[in-house]
Amino acid sequence: MGRWTAGAGFPISSVLVTDKAETGSTPGSIVVLVSGGGTNLQALIDATADPAYGVRIEAVGADRDDIEALARARRAGIPTFVCRLSDFATRADWDAALAGQVAAYRPGLVVLAGFMKLTGEAFLRQFAGRAVNTHPALSPSFPGVHGPRDALEYGVKVTGCTLFVVDAGVDTGPIVAQRSVRVHDDDTVETLHERIKTAERQMLVDYVGRMVRDGFSVSERKVTIS
């Protein structure tokens, strides 16, 4: 991975992270966190089959059992783990346990691919500047889980998807990449969301590969791939 630069007043950069040796990460490694069907995970699995992609999925973690995403990982021979919120007395305890389980695999990057839980202080402290997530809208517009519906109801002509560095907010982190998707006059939430998800998978594969292979920096709200 590259170099992350601390910026005044910027939550994820309150911890200065420098290079692989200091973070203890394994070069080329990622951990993917999931909660559902795992179509984004599958796109990453397919991409990693090519050695030129330069990324290795060390493990796939989930916040629930018996989901297709875990089955996809197991079929691909990738180690899995489950960290259920209901197994812990407090959300902070769960967050600390999740951070510990992810850290055990020494990832250079953590990819939240349809992971439907907000991470907390322990996770953000452990992986400041080294975790990314996607959002099915062009941030900062339409945050939250109903981005396609909200975009359609607002009447925008163009929406899309965003890859961002995870911070303490909801879809508020520094933007890594965005892809635009035109809204059709006859779109439903479902048809629009399907086209957004197609663009999202392509963006995720492209930029996760670039971030891992080339390194990147986060300074204030600017993300730069080396």
C-alpha atoms as a PDB file:
ATOM      1  CA  MET A   1       0.000   0.000   0.000  1.00  0.00           C
ATOM      2  CA  GLY A   2       0.977   3.615  -0.264  1.00  0.00           C
ATOM      3  CA  ARG A   3       1.209   6.486   2.171  1.00  0.00           C
ATOM      4  CA  TRP A   4      -1.691   7.977   4.115  1.00  0.00           C
ATOM      5  CA  THR A   5      -1.229  11.548   5.259  1.00  0.00           C
ATOM      6  CA  ALA A   6      -2.802  13.007   8.394  1.00  0.00           C
ATOM      7  CA  GLY A   7      -4.955  16.101   7.982  1.00  0.00           C
ATOM      8  CA  ALA A   8      -6.222  18.480  10.616  1.00  0.00           C
ATOM      9  CA  GLY A   9      -9.759  17.734  11.707  1.00  0.00           C
ATOM     10  CA  PHE A  10     -10.090  14.693   9.445  1.00  0.00           C
ATOM     11  CA  PRO A  11     -11.291  11.669  11.444  1.00  0.00           C
ATOM     12  CA  ILE A  12      -9.685   8.823   9.496  1.00  0.00           C
ATOM     13  CA  SER A  13      -6.344  10.615   9.315  1.00  0.00           C
ATOM     14  CA  SER A  14      -5.991  11.218  13.028  1.00  0.00           C
ATOM     15  CA  VAL A  15      -3.752   8.157  12.968  1.00  0.00           C
ATOM     16  CA  LEU A  16      -0.756   8.500  10.645  1.00  0.00           C
ATOM     17  CA  VAL A  17      -0.291   5.356   8.605  1.00  0.00           C
ATOM     18  CA  THR A  18       2.806   5.116   6.473  1.00  0.00           C
ATOM     19  CA  ASP A  19       3.825   1.903   4.772  1.00  0.00           C
ATOM     20  CA  LYS A  20       3.459  -1.899   4.691  1.00  0.00           C
ATOM     21  CA  ALA A  21       6.216  -2.535   7.187  1.00  0.00           C
ATOM     22  CA  GLU A  22       4.699  -0.224   9.773  1.00  0.00           C
ATOM     23  CA  THR A  23       1.116  -1.460   9.308  1.00  0.00           C
ATOM     24  CA  GLY A  24       2.249  -5.104   9.337  1.00  0.00           C
ATOM     25  CA  SER A  25       0.209  -5.869   6.237  1.00  0.00           C
ATOM     26  CA  THR A  26       0.963  -8.546   3.667  1.00  0.00           C
ATOM     27  CA  PRO A  27       1.653  -7.077   0.208  1.00  0.00           C
ATOM     28  CA  GLY A  28      -1.238  -7.566  -2.216  1.00  0.00           C
ATOM     29  CA  SER A  29      -3.640  -8.845   0.435  1.00  0.00           C
ATOM     30  CA  ILE A  30      -7.220  -7.793   1.102  1.00  0.00           C
ATOM     31  CA  VAL A  31     -10.028  -8.893   3.384  1.00  0.00           C
ATOM     32  CA  VAL A  32     -13.587  -8.520   2.086  1.00  0.00           C
ATOM     33  CA  LEU A  33     -16.561  -7.955   4.427  1.00  0.00           C
ATOM     34  CA  VAL A  34     -20.031  -8.988   3.252  1.00  0.00           C
ATOM     35  CA  SER A  35     -23.634  -9.289   4.384  1.00  0.00           C
ATOM     36  CA  GLY A  36     -25.621 -10.699   1.480  1.00  0.00           C
ATOM     37  CA  GLY A  37     -25.461 -12.274  -1.936  1.00  0.00           C
ATOM     38  CA  GLY A  38     -21.887 -11.317  -2.685  1.00  0.00           C
ATOM     39  CA  THR A  39     -22.053 -10.170  -6.313  1.00  0.00           C
ATOM     40  CA  ASN A  40     -19.336  -7.566  -5.670  1.00  0.00           C
ATOM     41  CA  LEU A  41     -17.287 -10.234  -3.902  1.00  0.00           C
ATOM     42  CA  GLN A  42     -17.693 -12.545  -6.890  1.00  0.00           C
ATOM     43  CA  ALA A  43     -16.403  -9.828  -9.211  1.00  0.00           C
ATOM     44  CA  LEU A  44     -13.305  -9.544  -7.032  1.00  0.00           C
ATOM     45  CA  ILE A  45     -12.876 -13.338  -6.875  1.00  0.00           C
ATOM     46  CA  ASP A  46     -13.070 -13.531 -10.658  1.00  0.00           C
ATOM     47  CA  ALA A  47     -10.526 -10.720 -11.038  1.00  0.00           C
ATOM     48  CA  THR A  48      -8.035 -12.322  -8.642  1.00  0.00           C
ATOM     49  CA  ALA A  49      -7.957 -15.453 -10.793  1.00  0.00           C
ATOM     50  CA  ASP A  50      -5.639 -13.499 -13.100  1.00  0.00           C
ATOM     51  CA  PRO A  51      -2.167 -13.209 -11.497  1.00  0.00           C
ATOM     52  CA  ALA A  52      -1.663  -9.900 -13.319  1.00  0.00           C
ATOM     53  CA  TYR A  53      -4.428  -8.373 -11.188  1.00  0.00           C
ATOM     54  CA  GLY A  54      -1.996  -8.475  -8.254  1.00  0.00           C
ATOM     55  CA  VAL A  55      -4.546  -8.917  -5.459  1.00  0.00           C
ATOM     56  CA  ARG A  56      -5.093 -11.858  -3.104  1.00  0.00           C
ATOM     57  CA  ILE A  57      -8.238 -12.236  -0.996  1.00  0.00           C
ATOM     58  CA  GLU A  58      -6.939 -13.508   2.342  1.00  0.00           C
ATOM     59  CA  ALA A  59     -10.374 -13.948   3.924  1.00  0.00           C
ATOM     60  CA  VAL A  60     -14.046 -13.059   3.660  1.00  0.00           C
ATOM     61  CA  GLY A  61     -15.864 -11.974   6.815  1.00  0.00           C
ATOM     62  CA  ALA A  62     -19.586 -11.572   7.436  1.00  0.00           C
ATOM     63  CA  ASP A  63     -21.922 -10.306  10.111  1.00  0.00           C
ATOM     64  CA  ARG A  64     -24.341 -13.217   9.637  1.00  0.00           C
ATOM     65  CA  ASP A  65     -24.366 -16.939   8.777  1.00  0.00           C
ATOM     66  CA  ASP A  66     -25.815 -18.784   5.812  1.00  0.00           C
ATOM     67  CA  ILE A  67     -25.463 -16.131   3.150  1.00  0.00           C
ATOM     68  CA  GLU A  68     -24.530 -16.687  -0.470  1.00  0.00           C
ATOM     69  CA  ALA A  69     -21.465 -14.456  -0.186  1.00  0.00           C
ATOM     70  CA  LEU A  70     -19.877 -16.892   2.282  1.00  0.00           C
ATOM     71  CA  ALA A  71     -20.757 -19.789  -0.008  1.00  0.00           C
ATOM     72  CA  ARG A  72     -19.061 -17.998  -2.906  1.00  0.00           C
ATOM     73  CA  ALA A  73     -15.907 -17.570  -0.838  1.00  0.00           C
ATOM     74  CA  ARG A  74     -15.873 -21.202   0.279  1.00  0.00           C
ATOM     75  CA  ARG A  75     -16.343 -22.448  -3.288  1.00  0.00           C
ATOM     76  CA  ALA A  76     -13.301 -20.382  -4.217  1.00  0.00           C
ATOM     77  CA  GLY A  77     -11.276 -21.864  -1.333  1.00  0.00           C
ATOM     78  CA  ILE A  78     -11.074 -18.575   0.569  1.00  0.00           C
ATOM     79  CA  PRO A  79     -11.088 -18.676   4.400  1.00  0.00           C
ATOM     80  CA  THR A  80     -14.215 -17.210   6.002  1.00  0.00           C
ATOM     81  CA  PHE A  81     -15.277 -15.964   9.404  1.00  0.00           C
ATOM     82  CA  VAL A  82     -18.503 -14.684  10.934  1.00  0.00           C
ATOM     83  CA  CYS A  83     -18.747 -11.960  13.580  1.00  0.00           C
ATOM     84  CA  ARG A  84     -22.380 -11.554  14.673  1.00  0.00           C
ATOM     85  CA  LEU A  85     -23.470  -8.451  16.532  1.00  0.00           C
ATOM     86  CA  SER A  86     -25.912 -10.539  18.574  1.00  0.00           C
ATOM     87  CA  ASP A  87     -23.015 -12.507  20.078  1.00  0.00           C
ATOM     88  CA  PHE A  88     -21.684  -9.461  21.962  1.00  0.00           C
ATOM     89  CA  ALA A  89     -22.944  -7.464  24.906  1.00  0.00           C
ATOM     90  CA  THR A  90     -22.317  -4.115  23.218  1.00  0.00           C
ATOM     91  CA  ARG A  91     -21.757  -2.814  19.719  1.00  0.00           C
ATOM     92  CA  ALA A  92     -18.313  -1.591  20.813  1.00  0.00           C
ATOM     93  CA  ASP A  93     -17.392  -5.148  21.829  1.00  0.00           C
ATOM     94  CA  TRP A  94     -18.546  -6.424  18.442  1.00  0.00           C
ATOM     95  CA  ASP A  95     -16.585  -3.734  16.626  1.00  0.00           C
ATOM     96  CA  ALA A  96     -13.397  -4.558  18.533  1.00  0.00           C
ATOM     97  CA  ALA A  97     -13.834  -8.270  17.809  1.00  0.00           C
ATOM     98  CA  LEU A  98     -14.428  -7.578  14.111  1.00  0.00           C
ATOM     99  CA  ALA A  99     -11.297  -5.436  13.942  1.00  0.00           C
ATOM    100  CA  GLY A 100      -9.294  -8.196  15.608  1.00  0.00           C
ATOM    101  CA  GLN A 101     -10.555 -10.899  13.274  1.00  0.00           C
ATOM    102  CA  VAL A 102      -9.787  -8.817  10.191  1.00  0.00           C
ATOM    103  CA  ALA A 103      -6.355  -7.821  11.523  1.00  0.00           C
ATOM    104  CA  ALA A 104      -5.410 -11.471  11.983  1.00  0.00           C
ATOM    105  CA  TYR A 105      -5.205 -11.781   8.183  1.00  0.00           C
ATOM    106  CA  ARG A 106      -2.880  -8.747   7.886  1.00  0.00           C
ATOM    107  CA  PRO A 107      -4.664  -7.102   4.950  1.00  0.00           C
ATOM    108  CA  GLY A 108      -3.232  -4.117   3.168  1.00  0.00           C
ATOM    109  CA  LEU A 109      -6.783  -3.079   2.301  1.00  0.00           C
ATOM    110  CA  VAL A 110     -10.222  -3.949   3.703  1.00  0.00           C
ATOM    111  CA  VAL A 111     -13.091  -3.919   1.218  1.00  0.00           C
ATOM    112  CA  LEU A 112     -16.638  -3.546   2.512  1.00  0.00           C
ATOM    113  CA  ALA A 113     -18.626  -5.159  -0.310  1.00  0.00           C
ATOM    114  CA  GLY A 114     -22.272  -4.958   0.654  1.00  0.00           C
ATOM    115  CA  PHE A 115     -21.434  -5.036   4.359  1.00  0.00           C
ATOM    116  CA  MET A 116     -24.550  -3.704   6.091  1.00  0.00           C
ATOM    117  CA  LYS A 117     -23.086  -2.662   9.423  1.00  0.00           C
ATOM    118  CA  LEU A 118     -21.424   0.600  10.369  1.00  0.00           C
ATOM    119  CA  THR A 119     -17.947   0.064  11.745  1.00  0.00           C
ATOM    120  CA  GLY A 120     -16.946   1.841  14.925  1.00  0.00           C
ATOM    121  CA  GLU A 121     -14.021   3.372  16.753  1.00  0.00           C
ATOM    122  CA  ALA A 122     -11.923   0.235  17.175  1.00  0.00           C
ATOM    123  CA  PHE A 123     -12.215  -0.749  13.516  1.00  0.00           C
ATOM    124  CA  LEU A 124     -11.504   2.769  12.284  1.00  0.00           C
ATOM    125  CA  ARG A 125      -8.499   3.057  14.582  1.00  0.00           C
ATOM    126  CA  GLN A 126      -7.099  -0.251  13.315  1.00  0.00           C
ATOM    127  CA  PHE A 127      -7.744   0.408   9.625  1.00  0.00           C
ATOM    128  CA  ALA A 128      -7.649   4.197   9.320  1.00  0.00           C
ATOM    129  CA  GLY A 129      -7.294   5.034   5.648  1.00  0.00           C
ATOM    130  CA  ARG A 130      -7.153   1.347   4.679  1.00  0.00           C
ATOM    131  CA  ALA A 131     -10.841   0.434   4.317  1.00  0.00           C
ATOM    132  CA  VAL A 132     -13.093   1.239   1.368  1.00  0.00           C
ATOM    133  CA  ASN A 133     -16.798   0.910   0.715  1.00  0.00           C
ATOM    134  CA  THR A 134     -19.201   1.556  -2.148  1.00  0.00           C
ATOM    135  CA  HIS A 135     -22.381   3.619  -2.276  1.00  0.00           C
ATOM    136  CA  PRO A 136     -25.055   3.367  -5.019  1.00  0.00           C
ATOM    137  CA  ALA A 137     -25.209   7.117  -5.694  1.00  0.00           C
ATOM    138  CA  LEU A 138     -22.860   9.950  -6.549  1.00  0.00           C
ATOM    139  CA  SER A 139     -21.722  11.109  -3.120  1.00  0.00           C
ATOM    140  CA  PRO A 140     -22.364  13.384  -1.368  1.00  0.00           C
ATOM    141  CA  SER A 141     -25.875  13.057  -2.818  1.00  0.00           C
ATOM    142  CA  PHE A 142     -28.404  10.573  -1.431  1.00  0.00           C
ATOM    143  CA  PRO A 143     -26.521   8.932   1.457  1.00  0.00           C
ATOM    144  CA  GLY A 144     -27.861   5.821   3.143  1.00  0.00           C
ATOM    145  CA  VAL A 145     -29.240   2.521   1.940  1.00  0.00           C
ATOM    146  CA  HIS A 146     -31.900   3.950  -0.402  1.00  0.00           C
ATOM    147  CA  GLY A 147     -29.685   5.886  -2.798  1.00  0.00           C
ATOM    148  CA  PRO A 148     -31.291   4.646  -6.054  1.00  0.00           C
ATOM    149  CA  ARG A 149     -34.817   5.206  -4.732  1.00  0.00           C
ATOM    150  CA  ASP A 150     -33.972   8.682  -3.462  1.00  0.00           C
ATOM    151  CA  ALA A 151     -32.302   9.652  -6.735  1.00  0.00           C
ATOM    152  CA  LEU A 152     -35.300   8.476  -8.735  1.00  0.00           C
ATOM    153  CA  GLU A 153     -37.773  10.281  -6.480  1.00  0.00           C
ATOM    154  CA  TYR A 154     -35.743  13.500  -6.673  1.00  0.00           C
ATOM    155  CA  GLY A 155     -35.867  13.391 -10.452  1.00  0.00           C
ATOM    156  CA  VAL A 156     -32.145  13.504 -11.224  1.00  0.00           C
ATOM    157  CA  LYS A 157     -31.112  12.682 -14.787  1.00  0.00           C
ATOM    158  CA  VAL A 158     -27.751  11.205 -13.829  1.00  0.00           C
ATOM    159  CA  THR A 159     -26.828   9.177 -10.755  1.00  0.00           C
ATOM    160  CA  GLY A 160     -24.195   6.504 -10.257  1.00  0.00           C
ATOM    161  CA  CYS A 161     -21.922   4.921  -7.694  1.00  0.00           C
ATOM    162  CA  THR A 162     -19.065   5.960  -5.446  1.00  0.00           C
ATOM    163  CA  LEU A 163     -16.056   4.192  -3.966  1.00  0.00           C
ATOM    164  CA  PHE A 164     -14.888   5.928  -0.807  1.00  0.00           C
ATOM    165  CA  VAL A 165     -12.534   5.535   2.131  1.00  0.00           C
ATOM    166  CA  VAL A 166     -14.478   4.536   5.235  1.00  0.00           C
ATOM    167  CA  ASP A 167     -14.766   7.101   8.006  1.00  0.00           C
ATOM    168  CA  ALA A 168     -17.086   7.535  11.003  1.00  0.00           C
ATOM    169  CA  GLY A 169     -20.012   8.874   8.942  1.00  0.00           C
ATOM    170  CA  VAL A 170     -22.583   7.312   6.637  1.00  0.00           C
ATOM    171  CA  ASP A 171     -21.175   7.342   3.086  1.00  0.00           C
ATOM    172  CA  THR A 172     -19.155  10.454   3.924  1.00  0.00           C
ATOM    173  CA  GLY A 173     -15.539   9.344   3.471  1.00  0.00           C
ATOM    174  CA  PRO A 174     -13.027  10.721   0.954  1.00  0.00           C
ATOM    175  CA  ILE A 175     -13.946   9.721  -2.582  1.00  0.00           C
ATOM    176  CA  VAL A 176     -11.701   7.283  -4.434  1.00  0.00           C
ATOM    177  CA  ALA A 177     -13.730   6.975  -7.646  1.00  0.00           C
ATOM    178  CA  GLN A 178     -17.170   7.551  -9.137  1.00  0.00           C
ATOM    179  CA  ARG A 179     -19.047   6.217 -12.149  1.00  0.00           C
ATOM    180  CA  SER A 180     -22.095   7.892 -13.638  1.00  0.00           C
ATOM    181  CA  VAL A 181     -25.297   6.112 -14.681  1.00  0.00           C
ATOM    182  CA  ARG A 182     -27.976   7.846 -16.740  1.00  0.00           C
ATOM    183  CA  VAL A 183     -31.538   7.684 -15.406  1.00  0.00           C
ATOM    184  CA  HIS A 184     -34.088   6.539 -17.999  1.00  0.00           C
ATOM    185  CA  ASP A 185     -37.586   7.970 -18.154  1.00  0.00           C
ATOM    186  CA  ASP A 186     -39.116   4.520 -17.625  1.00  0.00           C
ATOM    187  CA  ASP A 187     -36.772   3.431 -14.836  1.00  0.00           C
ATOM    188  CA  THR A 188     -38.009   1.769 -11.688  1.00  0.00           C
ATOM    189  CA  VAL A 189     -35.932   1.588  -8.542  1.00  0.00           C
ATOM    190  CA  GLU A 190     -35.078  -2.001  -9.470  1.00  0.00           C
ATOM    191  CA  THR A 191     -33.978  -1.332 -13.067  1.00  0.00           C
ATOM    192  CA  LEU A 192     -31.950   1.711 -12.061  1.00  0.00           C
ATOM    193  CA  HIS A 193     -30.304  -0.124  -9.183  1.00  0.00           C
ATOM    194  CA  GLU A 194     -29.318  -3.031 -11.443  1.00  0.00           C
ATOM    195  CA  ARG A 195     -27.478  -0.702 -13.818  1.00  0.00           C
ATOM    196  CA  ILE A 196     -25.812   1.034 -10.874  1.00  0.00           C
ATOM    197  CA  LYS A 197     -24.677  -2.321  -9.494  1.00  0.00           C
ATOM    198  CA  THR A 198     -23.127  -3.240 -12.851  1.00  0.00           C
ATOM    199  CA  ALA A 199     -21.154   0.010 -12.883  1.00  0.00           C
ATOM    200  CA  GLU A 200     -20.288  -0.469  -9.198  1.00  0.00           C
ATOM    201  CA  ARG A 201     -18.767  -3.909  -9.746  1.00  0.00           C
ATOM    202  CA  GLN A 202     -16.610  -2.650 -12.609  1.00  0.00           C
ATOM    203  CA  MET A 203     -15.457   0.351 -10.577  1.00  0.00           C
ATOM    204  CA  LEU A 204     -14.695  -1.759  -7.508  1.00  0.00           C
ATOM    205  CA  VAL A 205     -12.565  -4.265  -9.395  1.00  0.00           C
ATOM    206  CA  ASP A 206     -10.713  -1.530 -11.276  1.00  0.00           C
ATOM    207  CA  TYR A 207      -9.873   0.661  -8.312  1.00  0.00           C
ATOM    208  CA  VAL A 208      -9.188  -2.016  -5.698  1.00  0.00           C
ATOM    209  CA  GLY A 209      -6.649  -3.453  -8.110  1.00  0.00           C
ATOM    210  CA  ARG A 210      -5.058  -0.069  -8.711  1.00  0.00           C
ATOM    211  CA  MET A 211      -4.953   0.818  -5.015  1.00  0.00           C
ATOM    212  CA  VAL A 212      -3.284  -2.472  -4.105  1.00  0.00           C
ATOM    213  CA  ARG A 213      -0.848  -2.589  -7.016  1.00  0.00           C
ATOM    214  CA  ASP A 214       0.150   1.072  -7.138  1.00  0.00           C
ATOM    215  CA  GLY A 215      -0.451   2.374  -3.611  1.00  0.00           C
ATOM    216  CA  PHE A 216      -2.442   5.447  -2.697  1.00  0.00           C
ATOM    217  CA  SER A 217      -2.535   8.412  -0.350  1.00  0.00           C
ATOM    218  CA  VAL A 218      -5.321  10.125   1.589  1.00  0.00           C
ATOM    219  CA  SER A 219      -4.756  13.755   2.551  1.00  0.00           C
ATOM    220  CA  GLU A 220      -7.689  15.767   3.868  1.00  0.00           C
ATOM    221  CA  ARG A 221     -10.451  14.724   1.429  1.00  0.00           C
ATOM    222  CA  LYS A 222      -8.163  13.995  -1.508  1.00  0.00           C
ATOM    223  CA  VAL A 223      -7.390  10.414  -2.477  1.00  0.00           C
ATOM    224  CA  THR A 224      -4.501   9.954  -4.891  1.00  0.00           C
ATOM    225  CA  ILE A 225      -3.489   6.666  -6.485  1.00  0.00           C
ATOM    226  CA  SER A 226       0.251   6.589  -7.054  1.00  0.00           C
END
